[in-house]
N, C-alpha and C. Protein backbone atom coordinates (compact mmCIF):
# COMPACT_ATOMS: atom_id res chain seq x y z
N UNK A 1 111.64 89.58 119.70
CA UNK A 1 111.40 89.96 121.09
C UNK A 1 111.68 91.45 121.23
N UNK A 2 110.83 92.14 122.01
CA UNK A 2 110.99 93.57 122.22
C UNK A 2 110.87 93.87 123.71
N UNK A 3 111.88 94.56 124.24
CA UNK A 3 111.86 94.94 125.65
C UNK A 3 111.33 96.36 125.76
N UNK A 4 110.31 96.57 126.60
CA UNK A 4 109.64 97.87 126.65
C UNK A 4 109.97 98.66 127.91
N UNK A 5 110.71 98.08 128.85
CA UNK A 5 111.01 98.79 130.09
C UNK A 5 112.47 99.18 130.20
N UNK A 6 113.21 99.08 129.11
CA UNK A 6 114.63 99.45 129.13
C UNK A 6 114.76 100.97 129.05
N UNK A 7 115.44 101.61 129.99
CA UNK A 7 115.55 103.08 129.95
C UNK A 7 116.43 103.53 128.79
N UNK A 8 116.05 104.65 128.18
CA UNK A 8 116.84 105.22 127.09
C UNK A 8 118.11 105.85 127.65
N UNK A 9 119.14 105.88 126.83
CA UNK A 9 120.40 106.53 127.19
C UNK A 9 120.66 107.60 126.14
N UNK A 10 120.10 108.81 126.33
CA UNK A 10 120.21 109.86 125.31
C UNK A 10 121.66 110.26 125.03
N UNK A 11 121.94 110.49 123.77
CA UNK A 11 123.25 110.99 123.36
C UNK A 11 123.23 112.51 123.37
N UNK A 12 124.40 113.10 123.40
CA UNK A 12 124.51 114.55 123.33
C UNK A 12 124.01 115.05 121.97
N UNK A 13 123.22 116.12 121.93
CA UNK A 13 122.73 116.64 120.64
C UNK A 13 123.89 117.09 119.76
N UNK A 14 123.72 116.88 118.46
CA UNK A 14 124.74 117.31 117.49
C UNK A 14 124.27 118.51 116.68
N UNK A 15 122.96 118.77 116.70
CA UNK A 15 122.42 119.89 115.91
C UNK A 15 122.36 119.60 114.43
N UNK A 16 122.51 118.33 114.03
CA UNK A 16 122.55 117.98 112.61
C UNK A 16 121.31 117.16 112.22
N UNK A 17 120.83 117.38 111.01
CA UNK A 17 119.70 116.63 110.46
C UNK A 17 120.12 116.03 109.13
N UNK A 18 119.45 114.95 108.74
CA UNK A 18 119.84 114.28 107.50
C UNK A 18 118.65 113.55 106.89
N UNK A 19 118.65 113.47 105.57
CA UNK A 19 117.73 112.61 104.83
C UNK A 19 118.56 111.52 104.18
N UNK A 20 118.07 110.29 104.18
CA UNK A 20 118.83 109.18 103.59
C UNK A 20 118.02 108.51 102.50
N UNK A 21 118.70 108.23 101.40
CA UNK A 21 118.10 107.52 100.27
C UNK A 21 118.74 106.15 100.20
N UNK A 22 117.92 105.10 100.24
CA UNK A 22 118.43 103.73 100.19
C UNK A 22 118.55 103.27 98.74
N UNK A 23 119.61 102.53 98.46
CA UNK A 23 119.81 102.03 97.10
C UNK A 23 120.56 100.72 97.10
N UNK A 24 120.83 100.24 95.90
CA UNK A 24 121.53 98.97 95.73
C UNK A 24 123.03 99.21 95.59
N UNK A 25 123.41 100.11 94.67
CA UNK A 25 124.84 100.42 94.50
C UNK A 25 125.35 101.14 95.74
N UNK A 26 124.70 102.24 96.09
CA UNK A 26 124.98 102.94 97.34
C UNK A 26 123.92 102.53 98.35
N UNK A 27 124.34 101.83 99.39
CA UNK A 27 123.38 101.40 100.41
C UNK A 27 122.65 102.60 100.99
N UNK A 28 123.41 103.67 101.28
CA UNK A 28 122.84 104.89 101.82
C UNK A 28 123.50 106.09 101.15
N UNK A 29 122.69 107.03 100.67
CA UNK A 29 123.18 108.32 100.21
C UNK A 29 122.50 109.37 101.08
N UNK A 30 123.27 110.29 101.64
CA UNK A 30 122.71 111.27 102.55
C UNK A 30 122.51 112.62 101.87
N UNK A 31 121.72 113.45 102.51
CA UNK A 31 121.43 114.78 101.97
C UNK A 31 122.65 115.70 102.03
N UNK A 32 123.67 115.35 102.82
CA UNK A 32 124.89 116.15 102.83
C UNK A 32 126.02 115.47 102.06
N UNK A 33 125.63 114.70 101.03
CA UNK A 33 126.57 114.16 100.02
C UNK A 33 127.55 113.13 100.57
N UNK A 34 127.10 112.31 101.50
CA UNK A 34 127.90 111.18 101.97
C UNK A 34 127.31 109.91 101.35
N UNK A 35 128.16 109.09 100.76
CA UNK A 35 127.70 107.87 100.09
C UNK A 35 128.35 106.65 100.76
N UNK A 36 127.52 105.73 101.24
CA UNK A 36 128.00 104.49 101.82
C UNK A 36 127.69 103.36 100.84
N UNK A 37 128.73 102.82 100.23
CA UNK A 37 128.54 101.76 99.23
C UNK A 37 128.04 100.48 99.88
N UNK A 38 127.16 99.78 99.18
CA UNK A 38 126.70 98.49 99.66
C UNK A 38 127.80 97.45 99.53
N UNK A 39 127.83 96.52 100.47
CA UNK A 39 128.89 95.50 100.46
C UNK A 39 128.56 94.29 99.58
N UNK A 40 127.27 94.02 99.34
CA UNK A 40 126.85 92.92 98.46
C UNK A 40 127.46 91.58 98.89
N UNK A 41 127.26 91.23 100.14
CA UNK A 41 127.87 90.01 100.68
C UNK A 41 127.36 88.76 99.96
N UNK A 42 126.07 88.74 99.62
CA UNK A 42 125.54 87.57 98.93
C UNK A 42 126.15 87.38 97.55
N UNK A 43 126.30 88.50 96.81
CA UNK A 43 126.89 88.42 95.48
C UNK A 43 128.35 87.96 95.54
N UNK A 44 129.09 88.47 96.54
CA UNK A 44 130.50 88.09 96.67
C UNK A 44 130.66 86.62 97.00
N UNK A 45 129.70 86.07 97.75
CA UNK A 45 129.80 84.67 98.16
C UNK A 45 129.09 83.72 97.21
N UNK A 46 128.53 84.26 96.11
CA UNK A 46 127.68 83.45 95.24
C UNK A 46 128.41 82.27 94.63
N UNK A 47 129.64 82.48 94.14
CA UNK A 47 130.37 81.39 93.49
C UNK A 47 130.73 80.30 94.49
N UNK A 48 131.21 80.70 95.67
CA UNK A 48 131.56 79.70 96.68
C UNK A 48 130.35 78.93 97.17
N UNK A 49 129.23 79.62 97.32
CA UNK A 49 128.01 78.97 97.77
C UNK A 49 127.48 78.01 96.71
N UNK A 50 127.53 78.44 95.44
CA UNK A 50 127.06 77.57 94.36
C UNK A 50 127.93 76.31 94.26
N UNK A 51 129.24 76.49 94.44
CA UNK A 51 130.15 75.34 94.40
C UNK A 51 129.83 74.36 95.53
N UNK A 52 129.56 74.90 96.73
CA UNK A 52 129.24 74.04 97.87
C UNK A 52 127.91 73.32 97.66
N UNK A 53 126.94 73.99 97.04
CA UNK A 53 125.64 73.36 96.80
C UNK A 53 125.73 72.30 95.71
N UNK A 54 126.57 72.54 94.70
CA UNK A 54 126.78 71.50 93.68
C UNK A 54 127.44 70.27 94.28
N UNK A 55 128.38 70.50 95.16
CA UNK A 55 129.03 69.38 95.83
C UNK A 55 128.04 68.61 96.69
N UNK A 56 127.13 69.34 97.34
CA UNK A 56 126.11 68.67 98.15
C UNK A 56 125.22 67.77 97.31
N UNK A 57 124.90 68.22 96.09
CA UNK A 57 124.00 67.45 95.23
C UNK A 57 124.61 66.11 94.80
N UNK A 58 125.94 65.99 94.86
CA UNK A 58 126.60 64.75 94.44
C UNK A 58 126.75 63.74 95.58
N UNK A 59 126.45 64.15 96.81
CA UNK A 59 126.66 63.27 97.98
C UNK A 59 125.49 62.32 98.15
N UNK A 60 125.81 61.11 98.57
CA UNK A 60 124.79 60.08 98.78
C UNK A 60 123.93 60.41 99.99
N UNK A 61 122.63 60.19 99.86
CA UNK A 61 121.70 60.47 100.96
C UNK A 61 122.08 59.68 102.20
N UNK A 62 121.94 60.34 103.37
CA UNK A 62 122.19 59.74 104.69
C UNK A 62 123.66 59.40 104.93
N UNK A 63 124.55 59.84 104.05
CA UNK A 63 125.97 59.55 104.26
C UNK A 63 126.61 60.61 105.15
N UNK A 64 127.79 60.25 105.72
CA UNK A 64 128.51 61.21 106.56
C UNK A 64 129.01 62.39 105.73
N UNK A 65 129.44 62.10 104.50
CA UNK A 65 129.93 63.18 103.64
C UNK A 65 128.82 64.17 103.33
N UNK A 66 127.60 63.68 103.14
CA UNK A 66 126.48 64.59 102.87
C UNK A 66 126.19 65.46 104.09
N UNK A 67 126.21 64.85 105.27
CA UNK A 67 125.94 65.62 106.48
C UNK A 67 126.99 66.72 106.67
N UNK A 68 128.26 66.38 106.39
CA UNK A 68 129.32 67.38 106.51
C UNK A 68 129.12 68.50 105.50
N UNK A 69 128.67 68.13 104.28
CA UNK A 69 128.48 69.16 103.25
C UNK A 69 127.26 70.03 103.56
N UNK A 70 126.23 69.43 104.15
CA UNK A 70 125.07 70.22 104.59
C UNK A 70 125.51 71.26 105.61
N UNK A 71 126.37 70.86 106.53
CA UNK A 71 126.88 71.80 107.54
C UNK A 71 127.72 72.91 106.89
N UNK A 72 128.46 72.57 105.83
CA UNK A 72 129.28 73.56 105.14
C UNK A 72 128.40 74.59 104.43
N UNK A 73 127.33 74.14 103.77
CA UNK A 73 126.41 75.07 103.10
C UNK A 73 125.74 75.97 104.14
N UNK A 74 125.32 75.39 105.26
CA UNK A 74 124.69 76.19 106.32
C UNK A 74 125.67 77.20 106.89
N UNK A 75 126.95 76.81 107.01
CA UNK A 75 127.96 77.74 107.53
C UNK A 75 128.13 78.94 106.62
N UNK A 76 128.11 78.71 105.31
CA UNK A 76 128.25 79.81 104.36
C UNK A 76 127.05 80.76 104.44
N UNK A 77 125.86 80.19 104.58
CA UNK A 77 124.67 81.05 104.72
C UNK A 77 124.73 81.87 106.01
N UNK A 78 125.20 81.24 107.09
CA UNK A 78 125.33 81.98 108.36
C UNK A 78 126.34 83.11 108.24
N UNK A 79 127.42 82.85 107.53
CA UNK A 79 128.45 83.88 107.36
C UNK A 79 127.88 85.10 106.63
N UNK A 80 127.12 84.86 105.55
CA UNK A 80 126.51 85.97 104.80
C UNK A 80 125.55 86.74 105.70
N UNK A 81 124.73 86.02 106.45
CA UNK A 81 123.76 86.65 107.35
C UNK A 81 124.48 87.50 108.40
N UNK A 82 125.53 86.97 108.98
CA UNK A 82 126.26 87.70 110.02
C UNK A 82 126.96 88.94 109.45
N UNK A 83 127.49 88.83 108.22
CA UNK A 83 128.14 89.98 107.59
C UNK A 83 127.13 91.10 107.34
N UNK A 84 125.95 90.76 106.83
CA UNK A 84 124.91 91.76 106.61
C UNK A 84 124.50 92.41 107.93
N UNK A 85 124.34 91.60 108.95
CA UNK A 85 123.92 92.10 110.25
C UNK A 85 124.97 93.06 110.82
N UNK A 86 126.24 92.68 110.73
CA UNK A 86 127.31 93.52 111.25
C UNK A 86 127.39 94.86 110.51
N UNK A 87 127.24 94.81 109.18
CA UNK A 87 127.28 96.04 108.38
C UNK A 87 126.12 96.95 108.75
N UNK A 88 124.93 96.38 108.91
CA UNK A 88 123.75 97.17 109.27
C UNK A 88 123.91 97.79 110.66
N UNK A 89 124.49 97.04 111.60
CA UNK A 89 124.73 97.57 112.94
C UNK A 89 125.69 98.76 112.90
N UNK A 90 126.78 98.61 112.17
CA UNK A 90 127.79 99.68 112.13
C UNK A 90 127.25 100.94 111.45
N UNK A 91 126.55 100.77 110.33
CA UNK A 91 126.05 101.92 109.59
C UNK A 91 124.94 102.64 110.37
N UNK A 92 124.03 101.89 110.97
CA UNK A 92 122.96 102.52 111.75
C UNK A 92 123.52 103.24 112.97
N UNK A 93 124.53 102.65 113.60
CA UNK A 93 125.15 103.30 114.76
C UNK A 93 125.84 104.61 114.35
N UNK A 94 126.49 104.60 113.21
CA UNK A 94 127.17 105.81 112.73
C UNK A 94 126.17 106.94 112.50
N UNK A 95 125.03 106.64 111.87
CA UNK A 95 124.03 107.66 111.59
C UNK A 95 123.40 108.20 112.88
N UNK A 96 123.09 107.31 113.81
CA UNK A 96 122.48 107.73 115.07
C UNK A 96 123.45 108.59 115.89
N UNK A 97 124.71 108.26 115.85
CA UNK A 97 125.70 109.05 116.59
C UNK A 97 125.88 110.45 116.02
N UNK A 98 125.72 110.58 114.68
CA UNK A 98 126.05 111.84 114.02
C UNK A 98 124.87 112.79 113.84
N UNK A 99 123.64 112.28 113.89
CA UNK A 99 122.49 113.13 113.55
C UNK A 99 121.41 113.07 114.63
N UNK A 100 120.79 114.23 114.90
CA UNK A 100 119.65 114.30 115.83
C UNK A 100 118.35 113.90 115.16
N UNK A 101 118.24 114.16 113.86
CA UNK A 101 116.99 113.94 113.11
C UNK A 101 117.33 113.21 111.82
N UNK A 102 116.65 112.10 111.58
CA UNK A 102 116.91 111.27 110.39
C UNK A 102 115.59 111.00 109.69
N UNK A 103 115.52 111.34 108.40
CA UNK A 103 114.33 111.06 107.59
C UNK A 103 114.69 110.00 106.55
N UNK A 104 113.79 109.05 106.35
CA UNK A 104 114.03 107.98 105.37
C UNK A 104 112.74 107.68 104.61
N UNK A 105 112.90 107.01 103.47
CA UNK A 105 111.75 106.66 102.64
C UNK A 105 110.99 105.48 103.23
N UNK A 106 109.67 105.57 103.23
CA UNK A 106 108.83 104.46 103.68
C UNK A 106 108.63 103.49 102.51
N UNK A 107 109.66 102.73 102.22
CA UNK A 107 109.63 101.82 101.08
C UNK A 107 108.81 100.57 101.39
N UNK A 108 107.99 100.15 100.42
CA UNK A 108 107.22 98.91 100.55
C UNK A 108 108.06 97.80 99.93
N UNK A 109 108.99 97.28 100.72
CA UNK A 109 109.99 96.36 100.20
C UNK A 109 109.36 95.08 99.66
N UNK A 110 108.35 94.56 100.34
CA UNK A 110 107.70 93.33 99.89
C UNK A 110 107.11 93.48 98.49
N UNK A 111 106.53 94.65 98.21
CA UNK A 111 105.97 94.90 96.88
C UNK A 111 107.08 95.10 95.85
N UNK A 112 108.19 95.68 96.28
CA UNK A 112 109.29 95.95 95.35
C UNK A 112 109.92 94.67 94.82
N UNK A 113 109.90 93.60 95.64
CA UNK A 113 110.55 92.36 95.22
C UNK A 113 109.55 91.34 94.65
N UNK A 114 108.29 91.75 94.49
CA UNK A 114 107.31 90.85 93.89
C UNK A 114 107.39 90.94 92.36
N UNK A 115 107.11 89.83 91.70
CA UNK A 115 107.15 89.76 90.24
C UNK A 115 105.73 89.73 89.68
N UNK A 116 105.42 90.59 88.71
CA UNK A 116 104.07 90.60 88.13
C UNK A 116 103.70 89.24 87.55
N UNK A 117 102.44 88.88 87.67
CA UNK A 117 101.96 87.61 87.12
C UNK A 117 101.94 87.68 85.60
N UNK A 118 102.45 86.63 84.98
CA UNK A 118 102.47 86.58 83.51
C UNK A 118 101.05 86.38 82.98
N UNK A 119 100.68 87.17 81.94
CA UNK A 119 99.35 87.05 81.35
C UNK A 119 99.41 86.11 80.15
N UNK A 120 98.45 85.19 80.03
CA UNK A 120 98.45 84.26 78.89
C UNK A 120 98.20 84.99 77.57
N UNK A 121 98.84 84.52 76.52
CA UNK A 121 98.67 85.07 75.19
C UNK A 121 97.52 84.33 74.51
N UNK A 122 96.40 85.02 74.24
CA UNK A 122 95.23 84.32 73.67
C UNK A 122 95.46 83.80 72.26
N UNK A 123 96.48 84.34 71.57
CA UNK A 123 96.72 83.92 70.19
C UNK A 123 97.62 82.69 70.10
N UNK A 124 98.27 82.32 71.22
CA UNK A 124 99.14 81.15 71.20
C UNK A 124 98.81 80.28 72.40
N UNK A 125 98.45 79.04 72.14
CA UNK A 125 98.09 78.13 73.21
C UNK A 125 99.30 77.82 74.09
N UNK A 126 99.13 78.00 75.39
CA UNK A 126 100.20 77.69 76.34
C UNK A 126 101.29 78.74 76.43
N UNK A 127 101.15 79.86 75.68
CA UNK A 127 102.16 80.92 75.69
C UNK A 127 101.72 82.07 76.58
N UNK A 128 102.71 82.84 77.05
CA UNK A 128 102.43 83.98 77.93
C UNK A 128 103.16 85.22 77.43
N UNK A 129 102.58 86.38 77.73
CA UNK A 129 103.26 87.63 77.42
C UNK A 129 104.47 87.79 78.35
N UNK A 130 105.54 88.43 77.89
CA UNK A 130 106.71 88.64 78.75
C UNK A 130 106.34 89.51 79.96
N UNK A 131 106.84 89.14 81.13
CA UNK A 131 106.58 89.94 82.34
C UNK A 131 107.87 90.44 82.99
N UNK A 132 108.99 90.27 82.30
CA UNK A 132 110.26 90.77 82.82
C UNK A 132 110.76 90.03 84.05
N UNK A 133 110.33 88.77 84.21
CA UNK A 133 110.67 88.04 85.42
C UNK A 133 112.18 87.83 85.56
N UNK A 134 112.86 87.53 84.44
CA UNK A 134 114.30 87.27 84.53
C UNK A 134 115.06 88.52 84.94
N UNK A 135 114.72 89.65 84.32
CA UNK A 135 115.38 90.91 84.67
C UNK A 135 115.04 91.33 86.10
N UNK A 136 113.78 91.12 86.49
CA UNK A 136 113.34 91.49 87.83
C UNK A 136 114.01 90.63 88.89
N UNK A 137 114.31 89.37 88.54
CA UNK A 137 114.93 88.47 89.51
C UNK A 137 116.29 89.00 89.96
N UNK A 138 117.05 89.57 89.02
CA UNK A 138 118.36 90.12 89.37
C UNK A 138 118.23 91.30 90.32
N UNK A 139 117.25 92.18 90.07
CA UNK A 139 117.02 93.32 90.95
C UNK A 139 116.56 92.86 92.33
N UNK A 140 115.69 91.85 92.34
CA UNK A 140 115.20 91.33 93.62
C UNK A 140 116.34 90.77 94.46
N UNK A 141 117.27 90.05 93.83
CA UNK A 141 118.42 89.51 94.57
C UNK A 141 119.25 90.64 95.17
N UNK A 142 119.42 91.71 94.41
CA UNK A 142 120.21 92.84 94.91
C UNK A 142 119.52 93.52 96.09
N UNK A 143 118.19 93.64 96.02
CA UNK A 143 117.45 94.26 97.13
C UNK A 143 117.52 93.40 98.38
N UNK A 144 117.35 92.09 98.21
CA UNK A 144 117.47 91.19 99.36
C UNK A 144 118.89 91.24 99.94
N UNK A 145 119.88 91.33 99.06
CA UNK A 145 121.27 91.36 99.49
C UNK A 145 121.57 92.63 100.28
N UNK A 146 120.91 93.74 99.91
CA UNK A 146 121.12 95.00 100.63
C UNK A 146 120.50 94.99 102.02
N UNK A 147 119.48 94.16 102.23
CA UNK A 147 118.83 94.00 103.56
C UNK A 147 118.39 95.35 104.12
N UNK A 148 117.62 96.10 103.33
CA UNK A 148 117.13 97.41 103.78
C UNK A 148 116.29 97.30 105.04
N UNK A 149 115.42 96.30 105.09
CA UNK A 149 114.52 96.15 106.23
C UNK A 149 115.29 95.97 107.53
N UNK A 150 116.31 95.15 107.50
CA UNK A 150 117.12 94.93 108.69
C UNK A 150 117.83 96.21 109.12
N UNK A 151 118.40 96.90 108.15
CA UNK A 151 119.10 98.15 108.45
C UNK A 151 118.16 99.17 109.10
N UNK A 152 116.96 99.34 108.53
CA UNK A 152 116.01 100.32 109.07
C UNK A 152 115.54 99.91 110.46
N UNK A 153 115.37 98.62 110.69
CA UNK A 153 114.98 98.14 112.01
C UNK A 153 116.04 98.51 113.05
N UNK A 154 117.31 98.30 112.71
CA UNK A 154 118.40 98.65 113.63
C UNK A 154 118.46 100.17 113.84
N UNK A 155 118.27 100.92 112.76
CA UNK A 155 118.34 102.38 112.84
C UNK A 155 117.26 102.93 113.79
N UNK A 156 116.05 102.40 113.67
CA UNK A 156 114.92 102.90 114.45
C UNK A 156 115.11 102.61 115.93
N UNK A 157 115.51 101.38 116.29
CA UNK A 157 115.62 101.09 117.72
C UNK A 157 116.83 101.78 118.34
N UNK A 158 117.91 101.95 117.59
CA UNK A 158 119.07 102.68 118.12
C UNK A 158 118.72 104.15 118.33
N UNK A 159 117.95 104.73 117.39
CA UNK A 159 117.55 106.13 117.51
C UNK A 159 116.65 106.33 118.72
N UNK A 160 115.72 105.41 118.94
CA UNK A 160 114.82 105.52 120.09
C UNK A 160 115.61 105.45 121.39
N UNK A 161 116.57 104.54 121.45
CA UNK A 161 117.38 104.39 122.65
C UNK A 161 118.25 105.62 122.91
N UNK A 162 118.69 106.29 121.83
CA UNK A 162 119.58 107.44 121.96
C UNK A 162 118.85 108.77 122.04
N UNK A 163 117.52 108.74 121.99
CA UNK A 163 116.76 109.99 122.06
C UNK A 163 116.77 110.76 120.75
N UNK A 164 117.05 110.09 119.64
CA UNK A 164 117.03 110.74 118.33
C UNK A 164 115.63 110.63 117.72
N UNK A 165 115.38 111.45 116.71
CA UNK A 165 114.09 111.42 116.00
C UNK A 165 114.28 110.81 114.62
N UNK A 166 113.47 109.80 114.30
CA UNK A 166 113.49 109.16 112.99
C UNK A 166 112.09 109.27 112.38
N UNK A 167 112.02 109.76 111.15
CA UNK A 167 110.73 109.99 110.49
C UNK A 167 110.74 109.30 109.13
N UNK A 168 109.66 108.61 108.80
CA UNK A 168 109.54 108.00 107.48
C UNK A 168 108.64 108.88 106.62
N UNK A 169 109.01 109.01 105.34
CA UNK A 169 108.26 109.88 104.44
C UNK A 169 107.80 109.10 103.22
N UNK A 170 106.81 109.62 102.56
CA UNK A 170 106.29 109.02 101.33
C UNK A 170 107.36 109.12 100.24
N UNK A 171 107.77 108.01 99.64
CA UNK A 171 108.84 108.06 98.63
C UNK A 171 108.39 108.56 97.26
N UNK A 172 107.13 108.88 97.10
CA UNK A 172 106.60 109.26 95.79
C UNK A 172 107.28 110.53 95.27
N UNK A 173 107.82 110.43 94.08
CA UNK A 173 108.44 111.54 93.34
C UNK A 173 109.74 112.07 93.97
N UNK A 174 110.27 111.42 94.99
CA UNK A 174 111.51 111.94 95.58
C UNK A 174 112.68 111.87 94.61
N UNK A 175 112.64 110.93 93.67
CA UNK A 175 113.73 110.80 92.71
C UNK A 175 113.50 111.64 91.45
N UNK A 176 112.30 112.20 91.30
CA UNK A 176 111.98 112.99 90.10
C UNK A 176 111.86 114.49 90.38
N UNK A 177 111.91 114.87 91.66
CA UNK A 177 111.73 116.26 92.05
C UNK A 177 113.08 116.96 92.20
N UNK A 178 113.17 118.16 91.66
CA UNK A 178 114.40 118.95 91.80
C UNK A 178 114.48 119.50 93.23
N UNK A 179 115.58 119.25 93.90
CA UNK A 179 115.76 119.71 95.27
C UNK A 179 115.96 121.22 95.35
N UNK A 180 116.23 121.86 94.22
CA UNK A 180 116.46 123.31 94.21
C UNK A 180 115.18 124.09 93.92
N UNK A 181 114.43 123.67 92.88
CA UNK A 181 113.26 124.46 92.48
C UNK A 181 111.94 123.72 92.61
N UNK A 182 111.98 122.43 93.04
CA UNK A 182 110.78 121.62 93.27
C UNK A 182 110.05 121.22 91.99
N UNK A 183 110.69 121.39 90.83
CA UNK A 183 110.05 120.97 89.58
C UNK A 183 110.06 119.44 89.49
N UNK A 184 108.92 118.86 89.16
CA UNK A 184 108.76 117.40 89.11
C UNK A 184 108.60 116.95 87.67
N UNK A 185 109.47 116.04 87.24
CA UNK A 185 109.38 115.48 85.89
C UNK A 185 110.24 114.22 85.84
N UNK A 186 109.69 113.15 85.26
CA UNK A 186 110.46 111.91 85.14
C UNK A 186 111.72 112.12 84.31
N UNK A 187 111.68 113.09 83.39
CA UNK A 187 112.84 113.36 82.55
C UNK A 187 114.00 114.00 83.29
N UNK A 188 113.77 114.44 84.53
CA UNK A 188 114.87 114.99 85.33
C UNK A 188 115.93 113.93 85.64
N UNK A 189 115.49 112.69 85.72
CA UNK A 189 116.41 111.59 86.04
C UNK A 189 117.05 111.13 84.73
N UNK A 190 118.22 111.69 84.44
CA UNK A 190 118.89 111.42 83.15
C UNK A 190 119.36 109.97 83.09
N UNK A 191 120.11 109.57 84.11
CA UNK A 191 120.60 108.20 84.22
C UNK A 191 120.46 107.76 85.66
N UNK A 192 120.87 106.53 85.95
CA UNK A 192 120.73 105.99 87.30
C UNK A 192 121.37 106.89 88.35
N UNK A 193 122.52 107.49 88.01
CA UNK A 193 123.25 108.28 89.00
C UNK A 193 123.21 109.78 88.71
N UNK A 194 122.59 110.19 87.62
CA UNK A 194 122.63 111.61 87.24
C UNK A 194 121.25 112.24 87.25
N UNK A 195 121.16 113.40 87.91
CA UNK A 195 119.93 114.19 87.94
C UNK A 195 120.21 115.55 87.32
N UNK A 196 119.36 115.95 86.35
CA UNK A 196 119.50 117.27 85.73
C UNK A 196 118.09 117.85 85.54
N UNK A 197 117.80 118.93 86.27
CA UNK A 197 116.47 119.52 86.23
C UNK A 197 116.20 120.16 84.87
N UNK A 198 115.07 119.82 84.28
CA UNK A 198 114.68 120.37 82.98
C UNK A 198 114.22 121.82 83.10
N UNK A 199 113.91 122.27 84.32
CA UNK A 199 113.42 123.64 84.51
C UNK A 199 114.54 124.62 84.84
N UNK A 200 115.33 124.31 85.87
CA UNK A 200 116.35 125.26 86.32
C UNK A 200 117.77 124.84 85.97
N UNK A 201 117.94 123.60 85.47
CA UNK A 201 119.26 123.15 85.08
C UNK A 201 120.11 122.61 86.21
N UNK A 202 119.56 122.48 87.40
CA UNK A 202 120.31 121.98 88.55
C UNK A 202 120.82 120.56 88.27
N UNK A 203 122.12 120.33 88.49
CA UNK A 203 122.74 119.01 88.28
C UNK A 203 123.26 118.48 89.60
N UNK A 204 123.05 117.20 89.83
CA UNK A 204 123.50 116.59 91.08
C UNK A 204 123.51 115.08 90.92
N UNK A 205 124.15 114.39 91.88
CA UNK A 205 124.01 112.94 91.94
C UNK A 205 122.56 112.64 92.28
N UNK A 206 121.96 111.72 91.56
CA UNK A 206 120.53 111.46 91.71
C UNK A 206 120.17 111.02 93.13
N UNK A 207 121.02 110.23 93.77
CA UNK A 207 120.73 109.77 95.13
C UNK A 207 120.80 110.91 96.13
N UNK A 208 121.77 111.81 95.94
CA UNK A 208 121.88 112.97 96.83
C UNK A 208 120.69 113.90 96.67
N UNK A 209 120.26 114.10 95.45
CA UNK A 209 119.07 114.94 95.20
C UNK A 209 117.85 114.35 95.88
N UNK A 210 117.67 113.02 95.76
CA UNK A 210 116.53 112.37 96.40
C UNK A 210 116.62 112.49 97.92
N UNK A 211 117.82 112.35 98.48
CA UNK A 211 117.99 112.44 99.94
C UNK A 211 117.63 113.83 100.44
N UNK A 212 117.94 114.87 99.67
CA UNK A 212 117.57 116.24 100.06
C UNK A 212 116.05 116.40 100.07
N UNK A 213 115.38 115.80 99.09
CA UNK A 213 113.91 115.85 99.06
C UNK A 213 113.31 115.09 100.26
N UNK A 214 113.94 113.97 100.61
CA UNK A 214 113.47 113.19 101.75
C UNK A 214 113.61 113.98 103.05
N UNK A 215 114.74 114.66 103.21
CA UNK A 215 114.93 115.48 104.40
C UNK A 215 113.90 116.59 104.49
N UNK A 216 113.63 117.26 103.38
CA UNK A 216 112.66 118.35 103.37
C UNK A 216 111.27 117.82 103.72
N UNK A 217 110.91 116.65 103.17
CA UNK A 217 109.59 116.06 103.49
C UNK A 217 109.54 115.66 104.96
N UNK A 218 110.64 115.16 105.49
CA UNK A 218 110.68 114.77 106.89
C UNK A 218 110.52 115.96 107.83
N UNK A 219 111.17 117.06 107.48
CA UNK A 219 111.04 118.28 108.29
C UNK A 219 109.60 118.81 108.25
N UNK A 220 108.95 118.67 107.11
CA UNK A 220 107.56 119.14 107.00
C UNK A 220 106.62 118.36 107.91
N UNK A 221 106.99 117.10 108.21
CA UNK A 221 106.16 116.28 109.08
C UNK A 221 106.36 116.62 110.55
């Protein structure tokens, strides 16, 4: 549901701008070197939820014990959902309060969590070429657990209500471009967290470097 006649309540200008890079380890990395770690509520609750689901599988159909266990599993899912929602509300409110202008990556989350279709191996009947589904499944769980879409939804409506500007930018090459000299090369990304420009030697946290590129692209728009 969306209310369109609610008057905005503008916040006082802060004169600050920021680019944000979304991730799994760091939920948000900003262009001014602030890192907000992801809470990973689903991962933390995984063992307890699995135990509750195993217990549910042992209960007799239509029994009172099964109904009680169904309610317990649903309660755990609600708790995870509420924790993610609360974290997204707090983080989006913090960003909107602190910055007049926020730029973020226009990530295609649905495509990011899709798994490539396995291709059949013509030399072996009933066999398929590896498609990395098992490795991809772990990444997909982490992306779902981070709930980027929910966070961005909260950020956008809070910014609109507060009179802030939020801009989405093309994420292409933001992680491979040097924020100092604009040199683009996949080899600039040394490791998951380390960026080292092959042209000028600039070293930085990879997420912070990407956030600076996002801010620059947002300002250009």
